Amino acid sequence: MLGEVYNKAIGDKKGIRRMAHAIVPMDDALATVAVDISGRSYAVLDIEFNKPKVGDLSTENVEHFFESFANSARININAKVEGENDHHKIEALFKSFARALTDASIIEHDSIPSTKGIL
């Protein structure tokens, strides 16, 4: 649902930057996320956790979030995280995703960033 709301908010994507990436360190962890607001859903995730839970969060739901967001927002997400502490890895992932998505959503011109003219 969150992805659907994002897709609706971004509209016809006229003027957006479309693609962006972010690299975020968090103590021992390093997350890299790249996004393409392409109209095509795909998620490539290189995410592994040491424990099944961090607090009340099942770590399997982190991967599920990114896959579901990519599908419902109709965007491409490529994410990778390294480190030892699962909490730090999750925090770095979400911060990196937020920065990449924000940067890709910036309106910087007045056309649709596609050779086809639609996204």
PDB file of N, CA and C in Angstrom:
ATOM      1  N   MET A   1       0.804  -1.193   0.000  1.00  0.00           N
ATOM      2  CA  MET A   1       0.000   0.000   0.000  1.00  0.00           C
ATOM      3  C   MET A   1       0.852   1.265   0.000  1.00  0.00           C
ATOM      4  N   LEU A   2       1.927   1.278   0.762  1.00  0.00           N
ATOM      5  CA  LEU A   2       2.778   2.459   0.806  1.00  0.00           C
ATOM      6  C   LEU A   2       3.335   2.761  -0.587  1.00  0.00           C
ATOM      7  N   GLY A   3       3.725   1.708  -1.300  1.00  0.00           N
ATOM      8  CA  GLY A   3       4.224   1.888  -2.657  1.00  0.00           C
ATOM      9  C   GLY A   3       3.162   2.439  -3.589  1.00  0.00           C
ATOM     10  N   GLU A   4       1.920   2.003  -3.422  1.00  0.00           N
ATOM     11  CA  GLU A   4       0.817   2.521  -4.239  1.00  0.00           C
ATOM     12  C   GLU A   4       0.609   4.011  -3.974  1.00  0.00           C
ATOM     13  N   VAL A   5       0.693   4.399  -2.721  1.00  0.00           N
ATOM     14  CA  VAL A   5       0.544   5.809  -2.360  1.00  0.00           C
ATOM     15  C   VAL A   5       1.673   6.629  -2.982  1.00  0.00           C
ATOM     16  N   TYR A   6       2.893   6.103  -2.913  1.00  0.00           N
ATOM     17  CA  TYR A   6       4.028   6.794  -3.527  1.00  0.00           C
ATOM     18  C   TYR A   6       3.812   6.929  -5.033  1.00  0.00           C
ATOM     19  N   ASN A   7       3.415   5.853  -5.685  1.00  0.00           N
ATOM     20  CA  ASN A   7       3.187   5.866  -7.138  1.00  0.00           C
ATOM     21  C   ASN A   7       2.135   6.899  -7.518  1.00  0.00           C
ATOM     22  N   LYS A   8       1.079   6.977  -6.737  1.00  0.00           N
ATOM     23  CA  LYS A   8       0.029   7.961  -7.003  1.00  0.00           C
ATOM     24  C   LYS A   8       0.562   9.384  -6.796  1.00  0.00           C
ATOM     25  N   ALA A   9       1.338   9.579  -5.736  1.00  0.00           N
ATOM     26  CA  ALA A   9       1.870  10.912  -5.426  1.00  0.00           C
ATOM     27  C   ALA A   9       2.847  11.396  -6.493  1.00  0.00           C
ATOM     28  N   ILE A  10       3.616  10.505  -7.073  1.00  0.00           N
ATOM     29  CA  ILE A  10       4.617  10.901  -8.067  1.00  0.00           C
ATOM     30  C   ILE A  10       3.968  11.207  -9.420  1.00  0.00           C
ATOM     31  N   GLY A  11       2.737  10.747  -9.614  1.00  0.00           N
ATOM     32  CA  GLY A  11       1.965  11.093 -10.812  1.00  0.00           C
ATOM     33  C   GLY A  11       2.570  10.598 -12.109  1.00  0.00           C
ATOM     34  N   ASP A  12       2.584  11.463 -13.120  1.00  0.00           N
ATOM     35  CA  ASP A  12       3.082  11.049 -14.439  1.00  0.00           C
ATOM     36  C   ASP A  12       4.606  11.097 -14.523  1.00  0.00           C
ATOM     37  N   LYS A  13       5.244  11.474 -13.447  1.00  0.00           N
ATOM     38  CA  LYS A  13       6.705  11.509 -13.314  1.00  0.00           C
ATOM     39  C   LYS A  13       7.369  12.601 -14.149  1.00  0.00           C
ATOM     40  N   LYS A  14       6.598  13.533 -14.631  1.00  0.00           N
ATOM     41  CA  LYS A  14       7.143  14.611 -15.443  1.00  0.00           C
ATOM     42  C   LYS A  14       8.145  15.432 -14.635  1.00  0.00           C
ATOM     43  N   GLY A  15       9.329  15.562 -15.185  1.00  0.00           N
ATOM     44  CA  GLY A  15      10.356  16.394 -14.597  1.00  0.00           C
ATOM     45  C   GLY A  15      11.238  15.752 -13.544  1.00  0.00           C
ATOM     46  N   ILE A  16      10.924  14.513 -13.119  1.00  0.00           N
ATOM     47  CA  ILE A  16      11.719  13.909 -12.050  1.00  0.00           C
ATOM     48  C   ILE A  16      13.105  13.508 -12.541  1.00  0.00           C
ATOM     49  N   ARG A  17      14.007  13.424 -11.609  1.00  0.00           N
ATOM     50  CA  ARG A  17      15.374  12.976 -11.900  1.00  0.00           C
ATOM     51  C   ARG A  17      15.350  11.515 -12.349  1.00  0.00           C
ATOM     52  N   ARG A  18      14.488  10.704 -11.796  1.00  0.00           N
ATOM     53  CA  ARG A  18      14.199   9.311 -12.112  1.00  0.00           C
ATOM     54  C   ARG A  18      15.135   8.316 -11.443  1.00  0.00           C
ATOM     55  N   MET A  19      16.445   8.470 -11.581  1.00  0.00           N
ATOM     56  CA  MET A  19      17.393   7.513 -11.008  1.00  0.00           C
ATOM     57  C   MET A  19      18.280   8.198  -9.979  1.00  0.00           C
ATOM     58  N   ALA A  20      18.580   7.464  -8.905  1.00  0.00           N
ATOM     59  CA  ALA A  20      19.475   7.985  -7.879  1.00  0.00           C
ATOM     60  C   ALA A  20      19.981   6.839  -7.014  1.00  0.00           C
ATOM     61  N   HIS A  21      21.015   7.126  -6.269  1.00  0.00           N
ATOM     62  CA  HIS A  21      21.548   6.137  -5.337  1.00  0.00           C
ATOM     63  C   HIS A  21      22.040   6.854  -4.079  1.00  0.00           C
ATOM     64  N   ALA A  22      22.209   6.075  -3.031  1.00  0.00           N
ATOM     65  CA  ALA A  22      22.739   6.624  -1.783  1.00  0.00           C
ATOM     66  C   ALA A  22      23.534   5.535  -1.074  1.00  0.00           C
ATOM     67  N   ILE A  23      24.589   5.963  -0.415  1.00  0.00           N
ATOM     68  CA  ILE A  23      25.415   5.072   0.389  1.00  0.00           C
ATOM     69  C   ILE A  23      25.413   5.641   1.807  1.00  0.00           C
ATOM     70  N   VAL A  24      25.012   4.816   2.754  1.00  0.00           N
ATOM     71  CA  VAL A  24      24.895   5.287   4.134  1.00  0.00           C
ATOM     72  C   VAL A  24      25.648   4.352   5.080  1.00  0.00           C
ATOM     73  N   PRO A  25      26.592   4.892   5.847  1.00  0.00           N
ATOM     74  CA  PRO A  25      27.254   4.103   6.890  1.00  0.00           C
ATOM     75  C   PRO A  25      26.490   4.221   8.206  1.00  0.00           C
ATOM     76  N   MET A  26      26.538   3.174   8.989  1.00  0.00           N
ATOM     77  CA  MET A  26      25.939   3.200  10.323  1.00  0.00           C
ATOM     78  C   MET A  26      26.832   2.319  11.201  1.00  0.00           C
ATOM     79  N   ASP A  27      27.787   2.938  11.865  1.00  0.00           N
ATOM     80  CA  ASP A  27      28.776   2.216  12.668  1.00  0.00           C
ATOM     81  C   ASP A  27      29.457   1.144  11.815  1.00  0.00           C
ATOM     82  N   ASP A  28      29.224  -0.137  12.102  1.00  0.00           N
ATOM     83  CA  ASP A  28      29.876  -1.223  11.375  1.00  0.00           C
ATOM     84  C   ASP A  28      29.212  -1.546  10.040  1.00  0.00           C
ATOM     85  N   ALA A  29      28.037  -0.993   9.782  1.00  0.00           N
ATOM     86  CA  ALA A  29      27.252  -1.346   8.593  1.00  0.00           C
ATOM     87  C   ALA A  29      27.423  -0.315   7.484  1.00  0.00           C
ATOM     88  N   LEU A  30      27.272  -0.787   6.246  1.00  0.00           N
ATOM     89  CA  LEU A  30      27.290   0.085   5.082  1.00  0.00           C
ATOM     90  C   LEU A  30      26.210  -0.390   4.122  1.00  0.00           C
ATOM     91  N   ALA A  31      25.277   0.514   3.809  1.00  0.00           N
ATOM     92  CA  ALA A  31      24.178   0.184   2.894  1.00  0.00           C
ATOM     93  C   ALA A  31      24.285   1.024   1.636  1.00  0.00           C
ATOM     94  N   THR A  32      24.047   0.383   0.513  1.00  0.00           N
ATOM     95  CA  THR A  32      23.998   1.051  -0.782  1.00  0.00           C
ATOM     96  C   THR A  32      22.653   0.721  -1.406  1.00  0.00           C
ATOM     97  N   VAL A  33      21.920   1.756  -1.801  1.00  0.00           N
ATOM     98  CA  VAL A  33      20.623   1.559  -2.458  1.00  0.00           C
ATOM     99  C   VAL A  33      20.568   2.441  -3.697  1.00  0.00           C
ATOM    100  N   ALA A  34      20.163   1.844  -4.806  1.00  0.00           N
ATOM    101  CA  ALA A  34      19.930   2.577  -6.045  1.00  0.00           C
ATOM    102  C   ALA A  34      18.489   2.346  -6.460  1.00  0.00           C
ATOM    103  N   VAL A  35      17.833   3.393  -6.961  1.00  0.00           N
ATOM    104  CA  VAL A  35      16.450   3.277  -7.406  1.00  0.00           C
ATOM    105  C   VAL A  35      16.303   3.844  -8.811  1.00  0.00           C
ATOM    106  N   ASP A  36      15.342   3.302  -9.530  1.00  0.00           N
ATOM    107  CA  ASP A  36      14.955   3.817 -10.843  1.00  0.00           C
ATOM    108  C   ASP A  36      13.435   3.852 -10.846  1.00  0.00           C
ATOM    109  N   ILE A  37      12.883   5.043 -10.928  1.00  0.00           N
ATOM    110  CA  ILE A  37      11.424   5.201 -10.965  1.00  0.00           C
ATOM    111  C   ILE A  37      11.014   5.013 -12.425  1.00  0.00           C
ATOM    112  N   SER A  38      10.988   3.762 -12.826  1.00  0.00           N
ATOM    113  CA  SER A  38      10.905   3.392 -14.234  1.00  0.00           C
ATOM    114  C   SER A  38       9.517   2.963 -14.705  1.00  0.00           C
ATOM    115  N   GLY A  39       8.632   2.670 -13.772  1.00  0.00           N
ATOM    116  CA  GLY A  39       7.348   2.090 -14.161  1.00  0.00           C
ATOM    117  C   GLY A  39       7.427   0.573 -14.266  1.00  0.00           C
ATOM    118  N   ARG A  40       8.618   0.027 -13.994  1.00  0.00           N
ATOM    119  CA  ARG A  40       8.816  -1.427 -14.015  1.00  0.00           C
ATOM    120  C   ARG A  40       9.230  -1.870 -12.617  1.00  0.00           C
ATOM    121  N   SER A  41       8.593  -2.893 -12.125  1.00  0.00           N
ATOM    122  CA  SER A  41       8.850  -3.388 -10.772  1.00  0.00           C
ATOM    123  C   SER A  41       9.968  -4.421 -10.778  1.00  0.00           C
ATOM    124  N   TYR A  42      10.966  -4.180  -9.943  1.00  0.00           N
ATOM    125  CA  TYR A  42      12.034  -5.172  -9.790  1.00  0.00           C
ATOM    126  C   TYR A  42      12.807  -4.843  -8.531  1.00  0.00           C
ATOM    127  N   ALA A  43      13.184  -5.863  -7.791  1.00  0.00           N
ATOM    128  CA  ALA A  43      14.001  -5.661  -6.597  1.00  0.00           C
ATOM    129  C   ALA A  43      15.154  -6.663  -6.609  1.00  0.00           C
ATOM    130  N   VAL A  44      16.357  -6.146  -6.491  1.00  0.00           N
ATOM    131  CA  VAL A  44      17.555  -6.965  -6.353  1.00  0.00           C
ATOM    132  C   VAL A  44      18.107  -6.648  -4.979  1.00  0.00           C
ATOM    133  N   LEU A  45      18.093  -7.632  -4.099  1.00  0.00           N
ATOM    134  CA  LEU A  45      18.443  -7.383  -2.704  1.00  0.00           C
ATOM    135  C   LEU A  45      19.562  -8.305  -2.246  1.00  0.00           C
ATOM    136  N   ASP A  46      20.652  -7.733  -1.816  1.00  0.00           N
ATOM    137  CA  ASP A  46      21.764  -8.481  -1.243  1.00  0.00           C
ATOM    138  C   ASP A  46      21.770  -8.145   0.247  1.00  0.00           C
ATOM    139  N   ILE A  47      20.852  -8.804   0.962  1.00  0.00           N
ATOM    140  CA  ILE A  47      20.573  -8.486   2.362  1.00  0.00           C
ATOM    141  C   ILE A  47      20.554  -9.788   3.157  1.00  0.00           C
ATOM    142  N   GLU A  48      21.450  -9.894   4.118  1.00  0.00           N
ATOM    143  CA  GLU A  48      21.457 -11.059   5.005  1.00  0.00           C
ATOM    144  C   GLU A  48      21.555 -10.590   6.450  1.00  0.00           C
ATOM    145  N   PHE A  49      20.843 -11.291   7.320  1.00  0.00           N
ATOM    146  CA  PHE A  49      20.861 -10.947   8.736  1.00  0.00           C
ATOM    147  C   PHE A  49      21.326 -12.136   9.559  1.00  0.00           C
ATOM    148  N   ASN A  50      21.898 -11.847  10.719  1.00  0.00           N
ATOM    149  CA  ASN A  50      22.419 -12.882  11.601  1.00  0.00           C
ATOM    150  C   ASN A  50      21.341 -13.484  12.499  1.00  0.00           C
ATOM    151  N   LYS A  51      20.313 -12.690  12.789  1.00  0.00           N
ATOM    152  CA  LYS A  51      19.272 -13.129  13.721  1.00  0.00           C
ATOM    153  C   LYS A  51      17.907 -13.041  13.060  1.00  0.00           C
ATOM    154  N   PRO A  52      16.945 -13.828  13.522  1.00  0.00           N
ATOM    155  CA  PRO A  52      15.602 -13.776  12.934  1.00  0.00           C
ATOM    156  C   PRO A  52      14.802 -12.538  13.336  1.00  0.00           C
ATOM    157  N   LYS A  53      15.228 -11.865  14.421  1.00  0.00           N
ATOM    158  CA  LYS A  53      14.487 -10.680  14.878  1.00  0.00           C
ATOM    159  C   LYS A  53      15.451  -9.610  15.390  1.00  0.00           C
ATOM    160  N   VAL A  54      15.025  -8.367  15.208  1.00  0.00           N
ATOM    161  CA  VAL A  54      15.670  -7.224  15.851  1.00  0.00           C
ATOM    162  C   VAL A  54      14.550  -6.532  16.613  1.00  0.00           C
ATOM    163  N   GLY A  55      14.585  -6.635  17.924  1.00  0.00           N
ATOM    164  CA  GLY A  55      13.453  -6.161  18.729  1.00  0.00           C
ATOM    165  C   GLY A  55      12.218  -6.968  18.353  1.00  0.00           C
ATOM    166  N   ASP A  56      11.151  -6.283  17.983  1.00  0.00           N
ATOM    167  CA  ASP A  56       9.915  -6.953  17.580  1.00  0.00           C
ATOM    168  C   ASP A  56       9.831  -7.169  16.072  1.00  0.00           C
ATOM    169  N   LEU A  57      10.842  -6.739  15.329  1.00  0.00           N
ATOM    170  CA  LEU A  57      10.829  -6.831  13.869  1.00  0.00           C
ATOM    171  C   LEU A  57      11.458  -8.135  13.394  1.00  0.00           C
ATOM    172  N   SER A  58      10.707  -8.915  12.644  1.00  0.00           N
ATOM    173  CA  SER A  58      11.264 -10.098  11.985  1.00  0.00           C
ATOM    174  C   SER A  58      12.145  -9.617  10.844  1.00  0.00           C
ATOM    175  N   THR A  59      13.391 -10.020  10.826  1.00  0.00           N
ATOM    176  CA  THR A  59      14.309  -9.535   9.801  1.00  0.00           C
ATOM    177  C   THR A  59      13.869  -9.958   8.399  1.00  0.00           C
ATOM    178  N   GLU A  60      13.120 -11.038   8.278  1.00  0.00           N
ATOM    179  CA  GLU A  60      12.613 -11.429   6.955  1.00  0.00           C
ATOM    180  C   GLU A  60      11.657 -10.381   6.389  1.00  0.00           C
ATOM    181  N   ASN A  61      11.054  -9.571   7.246  1.00  0.00           N
ATOM    182  CA  ASN A  61      10.130  -8.537   6.782  1.00  0.00           C
ATOM    183  C   ASN A  61      10.841  -7.347   6.136  1.00  0.00           C
ATOM    184  N   VAL A  62      12.134  -7.201   6.379  1.00  0.00           N
ATOM    185  CA  VAL A  62      12.885  -6.117   5.743  1.00  0.00           C
ATOM    186  C   VAL A  62      12.936  -6.363   4.235  1.00  0.00           C
ATOM    187  N   GLU A  63      13.338  -7.559   3.850  1.00  0.00           N
ATOM    188  CA  GLU A  63      13.365  -7.916   2.429  1.00  0.00           C
ATOM    189  C   GLU A  63      11.957  -7.843   1.835  1.00  0.00           C
ATOM    190  N   HIS A  64      10.976  -8.329   2.578  1.00  0.00           N
ATOM    191  CA  HIS A  64       9.585  -8.293   2.115  1.00  0.00           C
ATOM    192  C   HIS A  64       9.128  -6.853   1.866  1.00  0.00           C
ATOM    193  N   PHE A  65       9.518  -5.918   2.745  1.00  0.00           N
ATOM    194  CA  PHE A  65       9.150  -4.515   2.565  1.00  0.00           C
ATOM    195  C   PHE A  65       9.656  -3.993   1.222  1.00  0.00           C
ATOM    196  N   PHE A  66      10.955  -4.198   0.949  1.00  0.00           N
ATOM    197  CA  PHE A  66      11.534  -3.659  -0.282  1.00  0.00           C
ATOM    198  C   PHE A  66      10.928  -4.301  -1.528  1.00  0.00           C
ATOM    199  N   GLU A  67      10.688  -5.609  -1.491  1.00  0.00           N
ATOM    200  CA  GLU A  67      10.048  -6.277  -2.635  1.00  0.00           C
ATOM    201  C   GLU A  67       8.630  -5.751  -2.847  1.00  0.00           C
ATOM    202  N   SER A  68       7.876  -5.617  -1.775  1.00  0.00           N
ATOM    203  CA  SER A  68       6.494  -5.134  -1.875  1.00  0.00           C
ATOM    204  C   SER A  68       6.447  -3.682  -2.340  1.00  0.00           C
ATOM    205  N   PHE A  69       7.350  -2.851  -1.820  1.00  0.00           N
ATOM    206  CA  PHE A  69       7.377  -1.448  -2.238  1.00  0.00           C
ATOM    207  C   PHE A  69       7.705  -1.345  -3.719  1.00  0.00           C
ATOM    208  N   ALA A  70       8.710  -2.083  -4.165  1.00  0.00           N
ATOM    209  CA  ALA A  70       9.088  -2.054  -5.585  1.00  0.00           C
ATOM    210  C   ALA A  70       7.908  -2.465  -6.462  1.00  0.00           C
ATOM    211  N   ASN A  71       7.214  -3.519  -6.077  1.00  0.00           N
ATOM    212  CA  ASN A  71       6.082  -3.998  -6.875  1.00  0.00           C
ATOM    213  C   ASN A  71       4.928  -3.010  -6.901  1.00  0.00           C
ATOM    214  N   SER A  72       4.561  -2.494  -5.752  1.00  0.00           N
ATOM    215  CA  SER A  72       3.386  -1.622  -5.715  1.00  0.00           C
ATOM    216  C   SER A  72       3.683  -0.203  -6.199  1.00  0.00           C
ATOM    217  N   ALA A  73       4.930   0.256  -6.068  1.00  0.00           N
ATOM    218  CA  ALA A  73       5.291   1.591  -6.557  1.00  0.00           C
ATOM    219  C   ALA A  73       5.707   1.554  -8.024  1.00  0.00           C
ATOM    220  N   ARG A  74       5.941   0.355  -8.533  1.00  0.00           N
ATOM    221  CA  ARG A  74       6.392   0.152  -9.916  1.00  0.00           C
ATOM    222  C   ARG A  74       7.742   0.838 -10.150  1.00  0.00           C
ATOM    223  N   ILE A  75       8.692   0.517  -9.241  1.00  0.00           N
ATOM    224  CA  ILE A  75      10.044   1.054  -9.355  1.00  0.00           C
ATOM    225  C   ILE A  75      11.045  -0.092  -9.261  1.00  0.00           C
ATOM    226  N   ASN A  76      12.284   0.211  -9.598  1.00  0.00           N
ATOM    227  CA  ASN A  76      13.377  -0.731  -9.460  1.00  0.00           C
ATOM    228  C   ASN A  76      14.187  -0.346  -8.238  1.00  0.00           C
ATOM    229  N   ILE A  77      14.467  -1.321  -7.384  1.00  0.00           N
ATOM    230  CA  ILE A  77      15.298  -1.099  -6.198  1.00  0.00           C
ATOM    231  C   ILE A  77      16.432  -2.112  -6.221  1.00  0.00           C
ATOM    232  N   ASN A  78      17.645  -1.621  -6.070  1.00  0.00           N
ATOM    233  CA  ASN A  78      18.808  -2.482  -5.951  1.00  0.00           C
ATOM    234  C   ASN A  78      19.477  -2.105  -4.640  1.00  0.00           C
ATOM    235  N   ALA A  79      19.526  -3.045  -3.694  1.00  0.00           N
ATOM    236  CA  ALA A  79      20.028  -2.729  -2.354  1.00  0.00           C
ATOM    237  C   ALA A  79      21.025  -3.777  -1.876  1.00  0.00           C
ATOM    238  N   LYS A  80      22.038  -3.288  -1.176  1.00  0.00           N
ATOM    239  CA  LYS A  80      23.052  -4.167  -0.599  1.00  0.00           C
ATOM    240  C   LYS A  80      23.445  -3.604   0.755  1.00  0.00           C
ATOM    241  N   VAL A  81      23.653  -4.496   1.710  1.00  0.00           N
ATOM    242  CA  VAL A  81      24.123  -4.043   3.022  1.00  0.00           C
ATOM    243  C   VAL A  81      25.156  -5.037   3.546  1.00  0.00           C
ATOM    244  N   GLU A  82      26.177  -4.470   4.195  1.00  0.00           N
ATOM    245  CA  GLU A  82      27.228  -5.266   4.821  1.00  0.00           C
ATOM    246  C   GLU A  82      27.362  -4.818   6.260  1.00  0.00           C
ATOM    247  N   GLY A  83      27.847  -5.705   7.113  1.00  0.00           N
ATOM    248  CA  GLY A  83      28.080  -5.357   8.511  1.00  0.00           C
ATOM    249  C   GLY A  83      27.794  -6.526   9.421  1.00  0.00           C
ATOM    250  N   GLU A  84      27.961  -6.301  10.705  1.00  0.00           N
ATOM    251  CA  GLU A  84      27.746  -7.351  11.694  1.00  0.00           C
ATOM    252  C   GLU A  84      26.459  -7.161  12.494  1.00  0.00           C
ATOM    253  N   ASN A  85      26.164  -5.932  12.877  1.00  0.00           N
ATOM    254  CA  ASN A  85      25.025  -5.645  13.744  1.00  0.00           C
ATOM    255  C   ASN A  85      23.762  -5.477  12.890  1.00  0.00           C
ATOM    256  N   ASP A  86      22.790  -6.373  13.103  1.00  0.00           N
ATOM    257  CA  ASP A  86      21.565  -6.340  12.293  1.00  0.00           C
ATOM    258  C   ASP A  86      20.798  -5.034  12.437  1.00  0.00           C
ATOM    259  N   HIS A  87      20.762  -4.477  13.632  1.00  0.00           N
ATOM    260  CA  HIS A  87      20.067  -3.198  13.838  1.00  0.00           C
ATOM    261  C   HIS A  87      20.712  -2.106  12.987  1.00  0.00           C
ATOM    262  N   HIS A  88      22.027  -2.040  12.993  1.00  0.00           N
ATOM    263  CA  HIS A  88      22.732  -1.040  12.198  1.00  0.00           C
ATOM    264  C   HIS A  88      22.503  -1.261  10.702  1.00  0.00           C
ATOM    265  N   LYS A  89      22.485  -2.514  10.285  1.00  0.00           N
ATOM    266  CA  LYS A  89      22.267  -2.832   8.873  1.00  0.00           C
ATOM    267  C   LYS A  89      20.878  -2.382   8.423  1.00  0.00           C
ATOM    268  N   ILE A  90      19.865  -2.651   9.226  1.00  0.00           N
ATOM    269  CA  ILE A  90      18.494  -2.265   8.878  1.00  0.00           C
ATOM    270  C   ILE A  90      18.358  -0.744   8.846  1.00  0.00           C
ATOM    271  N   GLU A  91      18.908  -0.076   9.845  1.00  0.00           N
ATOM    272  CA  GLU A  91      18.816   1.382   9.882  1.00  0.00           C
ATOM    273  C   GLU A  91      19.524   2.008   8.679  1.00  0.00           C
ATOM    274  N   ALA A  92      20.695   1.519   8.339  1.00  0.00           N
ATOM    275  CA  ALA A  92      21.426   2.039   7.184  1.00  0.00           C
ATOM    276  C   ALA A  92      20.659   1.790   5.888  1.00  0.00           C
ATOM    277  N   LEU A  93      20.038   0.621   5.771  1.00  0.00           N
ATOM    278  CA  LEU A  93      19.242   0.314   4.570  1.00  0.00           C
ATOM    279  C   LEU A  93      18.097   1.291   4.379  1.00  0.00           C
ATOM    280  N   PHE A  94      17.327   1.514   5.419  1.00  0.00           N
ATOM    281  CA  PHE A  94      16.166   2.395   5.295  1.00  0.00           C
ATOM    282  C   PHE A  94      16.579   3.854   5.075  1.00  0.00           C
ATOM    283  N   LYS A  95      17.651   4.291   5.714  1.00  0.00           N
ATOM    284  CA  LYS A  95      18.125   5.659   5.481  1.00  0.00           C
ATOM    285  C   LYS A  95      18.640   5.814   4.055  1.00  0.00           C
ATOM    286  N   SER A  96      19.347   4.822   3.571  1.00  0.00           N
ATOM    287  CA  SER A  96      19.866   4.874   2.208  1.00  0.00           C
ATOM    288  C   SER A  96      18.722   4.855   1.195  1.00  0.00           C
ATOM    289  N   PHE A  97      17.725   4.029   1.444  1.00  0.00           N
ATOM    290  CA  PHE A  97      16.555   3.967   0.557  1.00  0.00           C
ATOM    291  C   PHE A  97      15.826   5.303   0.540  1.00  0.00           C
ATOM    292  N   ALA A  98      15.639   5.903   1.697  1.00  0.00           N
ATOM    293  CA  ALA A  98      14.937   7.185   1.773  1.00  0.00           C
ATOM    294  C   ALA A  98      15.687   8.268   0.999  1.00  0.00           C
ATOM    295  N   ARG A  99      16.995   8.309   1.139  1.00  0.00           N
ATOM    296  CA  ARG A  99      17.787   9.317   0.422  1.00  0.00           C
ATOM    297  C   ARG A  99      17.740   9.094  -1.087  1.00  0.00           C
ATOM    298  N   ALA A 100      17.882   7.844  -1.508  1.00  0.00           N
ATOM    299  CA  ALA A 100      17.856   7.548  -2.945  1.00  0.00           C
ATOM    300  C   ALA A 100      16.490   7.878  -3.543  1.00  0.00           C
ATOM    301  N   LEU A 101      15.424   7.493  -2.864  1.00  0.00           N
ATOM    302  CA  LEU A 101      14.080   7.754  -3.374  1.00  0.00           C
ATOM    303  C   LEU A 101      13.792   9.253  -3.406  1.00  0.00           C
ATOM    304  N   THR A 102      14.230   9.965  -2.386  1.00  0.00           N
ATOM    305  CA  THR A 102      14.052  11.421  -2.363  1.00  0.00           C
ATOM    306  C   THR A 102      14.786  12.069  -3.529  1.00  0.00           C
ATOM    307  N   ASP A 103      16.040  11.685  -3.739  1.00  0.00           N
ATOM    308  CA  ASP A 103      16.825  12.266  -4.826  1.00  0.00           C
ATOM    309  C   ASP A 103      16.235  11.933  -6.196  1.00  0.00           C
ATOM    310  N   ALA A 104      15.761  10.711  -6.383  1.00  0.00           N
ATOM    311  CA  ALA A 104      15.183  10.314  -7.669  1.00  0.00           C
ATOM    312  C   ALA A 104      13.861  11.029  -7.939  1.00  0.00           C
ATOM    313  N   SER A 105      13.190  11.479  -6.890  1.00  0.00           N
ATOM    314  CA  SER A 105      11.889  12.135  -7.022  1.00  0.00           C
ATOM    315  C   SER A 105      11.989  13.639  -7.258  1.00  0.00           C
ATOM    316  N   ILE A 106      13.182  14.188  -7.154  1.00  0.00           N
ATOM    317  CA  ILE A 106      13.369  15.631  -7.327  1.00  0.00           C
ATOM    318  C   ILE A 106      12.980  16.046  -8.743  1.00  0.00           C
ATOM    319  N   ILE A 107      12.203  17.109  -8.820  1.00  0.00           N
ATOM    320  CA  ILE A 107      11.828  17.657 -10.128  1.00  0.00           C
ATOM    321  C   ILE A 107      12.936  18.597 -10.561  1.00  0.00           C
ATOM    322  N   GLU A 108      13.550  18.293 -11.713  1.00  0.00           N
ATOM    323  CA  GLU A 108      14.673  19.097 -12.171  1.00  0.00           C
ATOM    324  C   GLU A 108      14.559  19.562 -13.615  1.00  0.00           C
ATOM    325  N   HIS A 109      13.490  19.208 -14.297  1.00  0.00           N
ATOM    326  CA  HIS A 109      13.278  19.660 -15.678  1.00  0.00           C
ATOM    327  C   HIS A 109      11.792  19.560 -15.987  1.00  0.00           C
ATOM    328  N   ASP A 110      11.383  19.723 -17.227  1.00  0.00           N
ATOM    329  CA  ASP A 110       9.951  19.720 -17.537  1.00  0.00           C
ATOM    330  C   ASP A 110       9.550  18.641 -18.541  1.00  0.00           C
ATOM    331  N   SER A 111      10.326  17.564 -18.599  1.00  0.00           N
ATOM    332  CA  SER A 111       9.979  16.471 -19.509  1.00  0.00           C
ATOM    333  C   SER A 111       9.899  15.159 -18.744  1.00  0.00           C
ATOM    334  N   ILE A 112       9.484  14.126 -19.443  1.00  0.00           N
ATOM    335  CA  ILE A 112       9.453  12.793 -18.842  1.00  0.00           C
ATOM    336  C   ILE A 112      10.765  12.106 -19.205  1.00  0.00           C
ATOM    337  N   PRO A 113      11.528  11.662 -18.207  1.00  0.00           N
ATOM    338  CA  PRO A 113      12.873  11.142 -18.446  1.00  0.00           C
ATOM    339  C   PRO A 113      12.899   9.734 -19.046  1.00  0.00           C
ATOM    340  N   SER A 114      12.424   9.630 -20.275  1.00  0.00           N
ATOM    341  CA  SER A 114      12.387   8.348 -20.966  1.00  0.00           C
ATOM    342  C   SER A 114      12.404   8.589 -22.458  1.00  0.00           C
ATOM    343  N   THR A 115      13.093   7.744 -23.200  1.00  0.00           N
ATOM    344  CA  THR A 115      13.097   7.875 -24.654  1.00  0.00           C
ATOM    345  C   THR A 115      11.730   7.563 -25.245  1.00  0.00           C
ATOM    346  N   LYS A 116      10.890   6.840 -24.486  1.00  0.00           N
ATOM    347  CA  LYS A 116       9.539   6.511 -24.942  1.00  0.00           C
ATOM    348  C   LYS A 116       8.545   7.625 -24.625  1.00  0.00           C
ATOM    349  N   GLY A 117       8.929   8.539 -23.732  1.00  0.00           N
ATOM    350  CA  GLY A 117       8.046   9.629 -23.368  1.00  0.00           C
ATOM    351  C   GLY A 117       7.047   9.287 -22.274  1.00  0.00           C
ATOM    352  N   ILE A 118       7.090   8.047 -21.784  1.00  0.00           N
ATOM    353  CA  ILE A 118       6.224   7.636 -20.667  1.00  0.00           C
ATOM    354  C   ILE A 118       7.037   6.757 -19.733  1.00  0.00           C
ATOM    355  N   LEU A 119       6.611   6.698 -18.492  1.00  0.00           N
ATOM    356  CA  LEU A 119       7.225   5.809 -17.497  1.00  0.00           C
ATOM    357  C   LEU A 119       6.155   4.970 -16.871  1.00  0.00           C
TER     358      LEU A 119
END
